[in-house]
Amino acid sequence: YNGMPNGCDDDLLPWARSASNKLDTKYLYGNFIFNAILFENEQRQIGCEIIYFVFFIFVGIKDVIYMSDKYHDTPEMAASRRLFDLAGIEYKQFAPKCRKIVIDFDSINHSGMNQETK
């Protein structure tokens, strides 16, 4: 079944293969990649990495806090907000009190750390 993510009504999202507006195609919303990964039953996917916003919905995450909204106006990000809204996922941008972080690795060095990796 190549359906939409859990909690997102299939009837409220597009199924078109092509459209003048990318947001009106199924490719930004469907769980086609994750059906292959999550529902496989014979082989483990070792050494693979996929970063995709729909995964949050599949695993039941209900809150997303993000640092950057650099690509807010892209169709992909509009699609992710649409899916989050349909699935009832809360999302908000993190607003740190301190805008700069400096890590002094020498101050946290412990005897077990390889000095050559500094």
N, C-alpha and C. Protein backbone atom coordinates (compact mmCIF):
# COMPACT_ATOMS: atom_id res chain seq x y z
N TYR A 1 0.84 -1.18 0.00
CA TYR A 1 0.00 0.00 0.00
C TYR A 1 0.88 1.23 0.00
N ASN A 2 0.80 2.03 -1.02
CA ASN A 2 1.57 3.27 -1.11
C ASN A 2 0.70 4.44 -0.74
N GLY A 3 0.29 4.49 0.49
CA GLY A 3 -0.61 5.54 0.94
C GLY A 3 0.10 6.68 1.63
N MET A 4 -0.70 7.55 2.16
CA MET A 4 -0.19 8.71 2.88
C MET A 4 0.16 8.31 4.31
N PRO A 5 0.90 9.16 5.02
CA PRO A 5 1.31 8.84 6.39
C PRO A 5 0.13 8.64 7.33
N ASN A 6 0.36 7.89 8.40
CA ASN A 6 -0.66 7.66 9.42
C ASN A 6 -1.23 8.97 9.92
N GLY A 7 -2.53 9.03 10.05
CA GLY A 7 -3.19 10.22 10.57
C GLY A 7 -3.50 11.27 9.53
N CYS A 8 -3.06 11.06 8.30
CA CYS A 8 -3.33 12.01 7.22
C CYS A 8 -4.32 11.37 6.26
N ASP A 9 -5.49 11.94 6.17
CA ASP A 9 -6.57 11.41 5.34
C ASP A 9 -6.15 11.41 3.87
N ASP A 10 -6.16 10.22 3.25
CA ASP A 10 -5.79 10.09 1.84
C ASP A 10 -6.62 10.99 0.93
N ASP A 11 -7.84 11.26 1.33
CA ASP A 11 -8.73 12.06 0.48
C ASP A 11 -8.42 13.55 0.55
N LEU A 12 -7.60 13.98 1.50
CA LEU A 12 -7.29 15.40 1.64
C LEU A 12 -5.96 15.78 1.00
N LEU A 13 -5.29 14.80 0.42
CA LEU A 13 -3.99 15.06 -0.19
C LEU A 13 -4.01 14.64 -1.66
N PRO A 14 -3.13 15.24 -2.47
CA PRO A 14 -3.14 14.96 -3.90
C PRO A 14 -2.54 13.60 -4.25
N TRP A 15 -3.01 13.05 -5.36
CA TRP A 15 -2.49 11.78 -5.87
C TRP A 15 -1.96 11.92 -7.30
N ALA A 16 -1.92 13.13 -7.82
CA ALA A 16 -1.48 13.35 -9.21
C ALA A 16 0.02 13.10 -9.36
N ARG A 17 0.39 12.57 -10.52
CA ARG A 17 1.81 12.38 -10.83
C ARG A 17 2.45 13.68 -11.29
N SER A 18 1.67 14.54 -11.91
CA SER A 18 2.20 15.83 -12.36
C SER A 18 1.11 16.88 -12.22
N ALA A 19 1.55 18.11 -12.02
CA ALA A 19 0.64 19.24 -11.88
C ALA A 19 1.45 20.51 -12.08
N SER A 20 0.77 21.59 -12.38
CA SER A 20 1.48 22.85 -12.58
C SER A 20 2.11 23.34 -11.28
N ASN A 21 1.52 22.98 -10.15
CA ASN A 21 2.06 23.33 -8.84
C ASN A 21 2.58 22.05 -8.19
N LYS A 22 3.84 22.03 -7.83
CA LYS A 22 4.46 20.85 -7.23
C LYS A 22 3.72 20.37 -5.98
N LEU A 23 3.08 21.29 -5.26
CA LEU A 23 2.33 20.93 -4.06
C LEU A 23 1.10 20.07 -4.37
N ASP A 24 0.70 20.05 -5.62
CA ASP A 24 -0.47 19.28 -6.02
C ASP A 24 -0.12 17.90 -6.57
N THR A 25 1.11 17.45 -6.33
CA THR A 25 1.51 16.09 -6.73
C THR A 25 1.69 15.23 -5.49
N LYS A 26 1.63 13.93 -5.67
CA LYS A 26 1.72 12.98 -4.55
C LYS A 26 3.13 12.84 -3.98
N TYR A 27 4.13 13.27 -4.72
CA TYR A 27 5.50 12.96 -4.35
C TYR A 27 6.00 13.65 -3.08
N LEU A 28 5.41 14.76 -2.72
CA LEU A 28 5.83 15.45 -1.50
C LEU A 28 5.16 14.90 -0.26
N TYR A 29 4.18 14.04 -0.42
CA TYR A 29 3.38 13.59 0.70
C TYR A 29 3.41 12.09 0.95
N GLY A 30 3.57 11.30 -0.08
CA GLY A 30 3.42 9.85 0.04
C GLY A 30 4.52 9.19 0.85
N ASN A 31 4.20 8.05 1.41
CA ASN A 31 5.16 7.32 2.24
C ASN A 31 5.80 6.17 1.47
N PHE A 32 5.98 6.33 0.20
CA PHE A 32 6.45 5.27 -0.66
C PHE A 32 7.82 4.75 -0.24
N ILE A 33 8.71 5.65 0.12
CA ILE A 33 10.05 5.25 0.55
C ILE A 33 9.96 4.47 1.86
N PHE A 34 9.15 4.96 2.78
CA PHE A 34 9.09 4.33 4.09
C PHE A 34 8.33 3.02 4.09
N ASN A 35 7.40 2.84 3.18
CA ASN A 35 6.78 1.52 3.07
C ASN A 35 7.85 0.48 2.77
N ALA A 36 8.77 0.83 1.91
CA ALA A 36 9.84 -0.10 1.55
C ALA A 36 10.74 -0.41 2.74
N ILE A 37 10.98 0.58 3.59
CA ILE A 37 11.88 0.39 4.72
C ILE A 37 11.17 -0.19 5.93
N LEU A 38 10.07 0.41 6.33
CA LEU A 38 9.40 0.00 7.56
C LEU A 38 8.69 -1.33 7.46
N PHE A 39 8.21 -1.66 6.28
CA PHE A 39 7.42 -2.86 6.15
C PHE A 39 8.15 -3.99 5.43
N GLU A 40 9.45 -3.83 5.25
CA GLU A 40 10.21 -4.93 4.66
C GLU A 40 10.28 -6.03 5.70
N ASN A 41 10.36 -7.28 5.26
CA ASN A 41 10.37 -8.36 6.24
C ASN A 41 11.47 -9.39 6.03
N GLU A 42 12.32 -9.20 5.06
CA GLU A 42 13.34 -10.20 4.82
C GLU A 42 14.76 -9.69 5.06
N GLN A 43 15.03 -8.46 4.70
CA GLN A 43 16.39 -7.95 4.82
C GLN A 43 16.38 -6.65 5.61
N ARG A 44 17.44 -6.43 6.35
CA ARG A 44 17.61 -5.17 7.08
C ARG A 44 18.34 -4.19 6.17
N GLN A 45 17.97 -2.95 6.28
CA GLN A 45 18.61 -1.91 5.49
C GLN A 45 19.81 -1.40 6.28
N ILE A 46 20.97 -1.95 6.03
CA ILE A 46 22.17 -1.59 6.78
C ILE A 46 22.99 -0.59 5.98
N GLY A 47 23.46 0.43 6.68
CA GLY A 47 24.31 1.42 6.03
C GLY A 47 23.54 2.44 5.22
N CYS A 48 22.23 2.51 5.39
CA CYS A 48 21.42 3.46 4.64
C CYS A 48 21.06 4.65 5.50
N GLU A 49 20.93 5.79 4.88
CA GLU A 49 20.50 6.98 5.60
C GLU A 49 19.51 7.73 4.74
N ILE A 50 18.33 7.99 5.29
CA ILE A 50 17.31 8.77 4.60
C ILE A 50 16.80 9.80 5.58
N ILE A 51 16.84 11.04 5.18
CA ILE A 51 16.30 12.11 6.01
C ILE A 51 15.09 12.65 5.27
N TYR A 52 13.93 12.52 5.89
CA TYR A 52 12.68 12.85 5.21
C TYR A 52 11.66 13.20 6.27
N PHE A 53 10.99 14.31 6.12
CA PHE A 53 10.09 14.80 7.16
C PHE A 53 8.93 13.88 7.48
N VAL A 54 8.51 13.06 6.55
CA VAL A 54 7.36 12.18 6.77
C VAL A 54 7.66 11.14 7.85
N PHE A 55 8.93 10.84 8.06
CA PHE A 55 9.30 9.84 9.06
C PHE A 55 8.78 10.20 10.44
N PHE A 56 8.74 11.50 10.78
CA PHE A 56 8.23 11.91 12.08
C PHE A 56 6.80 11.40 12.29
N ILE A 57 6.00 11.44 11.26
CA ILE A 57 4.60 11.01 11.36
C ILE A 57 4.53 9.51 11.58
N PHE A 58 5.34 8.75 10.84
CA PHE A 58 5.29 7.29 10.94
C PHE A 58 5.63 6.79 12.33
N VAL A 59 6.58 7.41 12.97
CA VAL A 59 7.03 6.90 14.27
C VAL A 59 6.25 7.49 15.43
N GLY A 60 5.31 8.39 15.15
CA GLY A 60 4.44 8.90 16.19
C GLY A 60 4.93 10.13 16.92
N ILE A 61 5.93 10.81 16.39
CA ILE A 61 6.41 12.03 17.03
C ILE A 61 5.31 13.08 16.95
N LYS A 62 5.06 13.77 18.06
CA LYS A 62 3.97 14.74 18.12
C LYS A 62 4.43 16.19 18.21
N ASP A 63 5.71 16.41 18.49
CA ASP A 63 6.24 17.77 18.59
C ASP A 63 7.57 17.85 17.86
N VAL A 64 7.74 18.87 17.03
CA VAL A 64 8.99 19.09 16.31
C VAL A 64 9.46 20.51 16.61
N ILE A 65 10.68 20.62 17.09
CA ILE A 65 11.28 21.93 17.32
C ILE A 65 12.48 22.02 16.37
N TYR A 66 12.48 23.02 15.51
CA TYR A 66 13.53 23.13 14.51
C TYR A 66 14.32 24.42 14.73
N MET A 67 15.56 24.41 14.23
CA MET A 67 16.44 25.55 14.41
C MET A 67 16.30 26.56 13.28
N SER A 68 16.27 26.08 12.05
CA SER A 68 16.28 26.98 10.90
C SER A 68 15.04 26.77 10.04
N ASP A 69 14.55 27.85 9.50
CA ASP A 69 13.43 27.79 8.56
C ASP A 69 13.85 28.42 7.23
N LYS A 70 15.10 28.19 6.88
CA LYS A 70 15.72 28.80 5.70
C LYS A 70 14.93 28.52 4.42
N TYR A 71 14.34 27.35 4.32
CA TYR A 71 13.64 26.95 3.09
C TYR A 71 12.13 26.99 3.25
N HIS A 72 11.64 27.86 4.11
CA HIS A 72 10.21 27.97 4.44
C HIS A 72 9.32 28.04 3.21
N ASP A 73 9.72 28.79 2.19
CA ASP A 73 8.86 29.03 1.03
C ASP A 73 8.97 27.97 -0.07
N THR A 74 9.72 26.91 0.15
CA THR A 74 9.84 25.88 -0.88
C THR A 74 8.62 24.95 -0.82
N PRO A 75 8.28 24.33 -1.94
CA PRO A 75 7.15 23.39 -1.94
C PRO A 75 7.34 22.24 -0.95
N GLU A 76 8.57 21.77 -0.79
CA GLU A 76 8.83 20.66 0.12
C GLU A 76 8.48 21.04 1.57
N MET A 77 8.84 22.23 1.97
CA MET A 77 8.55 22.65 3.35
C MET A 77 7.07 22.96 3.53
N ALA A 78 6.43 23.50 2.50
CA ALA A 78 4.97 23.72 2.56
C ALA A 78 4.26 22.38 2.71
N ALA A 79 4.75 21.36 1.98
CA ALA A 79 4.15 20.02 2.08
C ALA A 79 4.36 19.44 3.47
N SER A 80 5.54 19.64 4.05
CA SER A 80 5.79 19.10 5.39
C SER A 80 4.87 19.75 6.42
N ARG A 81 4.67 21.06 6.31
CA ARG A 81 3.75 21.72 7.25
C ARG A 81 2.32 21.21 7.06
N ARG A 82 1.94 20.98 5.83
CA ARG A 82 0.60 20.46 5.55
C ARG A 82 0.40 19.09 6.19
N LEU A 83 1.39 18.21 6.04
CA LEU A 83 1.30 16.88 6.65
C LEU A 83 1.31 16.96 8.16
N PHE A 84 2.18 17.79 8.72
CA PHE A 84 2.22 17.94 10.17
C PHE A 84 0.87 18.42 10.69
N ASP A 85 0.27 19.38 10.01
CA ASP A 85 -1.05 19.89 10.42
C ASP A 85 -2.11 18.79 10.38
N LEU A 86 -2.12 18.03 9.29
CA LEU A 86 -3.11 16.95 9.15
C LEU A 86 -2.92 15.86 10.21
N ALA A 87 -1.67 15.59 10.57
CA ALA A 87 -1.38 14.54 11.54
C ALA A 87 -1.42 15.05 12.98
N GLY A 88 -1.67 16.34 13.16
CA GLY A 88 -1.75 16.89 14.51
C GLY A 88 -0.40 17.05 15.19
N ILE A 89 0.65 17.22 14.40
CA ILE A 89 2.00 17.40 14.95
C ILE A 89 2.24 18.89 15.17
N GLU A 90 2.63 19.23 16.38
CA GLU A 90 2.97 20.61 16.71
C GLU A 90 4.40 20.88 16.23
N TYR A 91 4.64 22.05 15.68
CA TYR A 91 6.00 22.40 15.26
C TYR A 91 6.23 23.88 15.52
N LYS A 92 7.46 24.17 15.96
CA LYS A 92 7.81 25.57 16.20
C LYS A 92 9.32 25.74 16.09
N GLN A 93 9.69 26.96 15.78
CA GLN A 93 11.11 27.27 15.64
C GLN A 93 11.71 27.54 17.01
N PHE A 94 12.89 26.99 17.23
CA PHE A 94 13.61 27.20 18.48
C PHE A 94 14.16 28.62 18.50
N ALA A 95 13.97 29.30 19.61
CA ALA A 95 14.47 30.67 19.77
C ALA A 95 15.45 30.70 20.94
N PRO A 96 16.73 30.44 20.66
CA PRO A 96 17.71 30.39 21.75
C PRO A 96 17.96 31.76 22.37
N LYS A 97 18.25 31.75 23.65
CA LYS A 97 18.59 33.01 24.33
C LYS A 97 20.00 33.45 23.94
N CYS A 98 20.86 32.47 23.71
CA CYS A 98 22.23 32.74 23.30
C CYS A 98 22.38 32.31 21.84
N ARG A 99 22.83 33.20 20.98
CA ARG A 99 22.91 32.90 19.54
C ARG A 99 24.23 32.26 19.13
N LYS A 100 25.19 32.16 20.05
CA LYS A 100 26.49 31.62 19.69
C LYS A 100 26.91 30.60 20.75
N ILE A 101 27.44 29.47 20.28
CA ILE A 101 27.93 28.43 21.18
C ILE A 101 29.39 28.16 20.83
N VAL A 102 30.26 28.15 21.83
CA VAL A 102 31.67 27.83 21.63
C VAL A 102 31.98 26.62 22.49
N ILE A 103 32.57 25.62 21.88
CA ILE A 103 32.95 24.41 22.61
C ILE A 103 34.47 24.35 22.69
N ASP A 104 34.98 24.36 23.89
CA ASP A 104 36.41 24.24 24.13
C ASP A 104 36.68 22.77 24.44
N PHE A 105 37.09 22.03 23.44
CA PHE A 105 37.30 20.60 23.61
C PHE A 105 38.43 20.29 24.59
N ASP A 106 39.40 21.20 24.72
CA ASP A 106 40.47 20.99 25.70
C ASP A 106 39.92 20.97 27.12
N SER A 107 38.91 21.76 27.39
CA SER A 107 38.36 21.82 28.75
C SER A 107 37.55 20.57 29.10
N ILE A 108 37.13 19.83 28.09
CA ILE A 108 36.35 18.61 28.37
C ILE A 108 37.13 17.34 28.09
N ASN A 109 38.41 17.51 27.75
CA ASN A 109 39.26 16.35 27.47
C ASN A 109 39.40 15.50 28.73
N HIS A 110 39.31 14.21 28.55
CA HIS A 110 39.51 13.29 29.66
C HIS A 110 40.63 12.33 29.30
N SER A 111 41.11 11.60 30.26
CA SER A 111 42.29 10.75 30.05
C SER A 111 42.09 9.70 28.97
N GLY A 112 40.86 9.32 28.70
CA GLY A 112 40.61 8.30 27.69
C GLY A 112 40.59 8.81 26.26
N MET A 113 40.64 10.13 26.08
CA MET A 113 40.56 10.70 24.73
C MET A 113 41.92 10.63 24.05
N ASN A 114 41.92 10.18 22.83
CA ASN A 114 43.13 10.10 22.04
C ASN A 114 43.59 11.52 21.71
N GLN A 115 44.77 11.88 22.16
CA GLN A 115 45.27 13.24 21.97
C GLN A 115 45.47 13.58 20.49
N GLU A 116 45.67 12.57 19.64
CA GLU A 116 45.89 12.82 18.22
C GLU A 116 44.62 13.24 17.50
N THR A 117 43.45 13.04 18.09
CA THR A 117 42.19 13.38 17.43
C THR A 117 41.73 14.79 17.75
N LYS A 118 42.51 15.55 18.52
CA LYS A 118 42.11 16.90 18.91
C LYS A 118 42.00 17.83 17.73
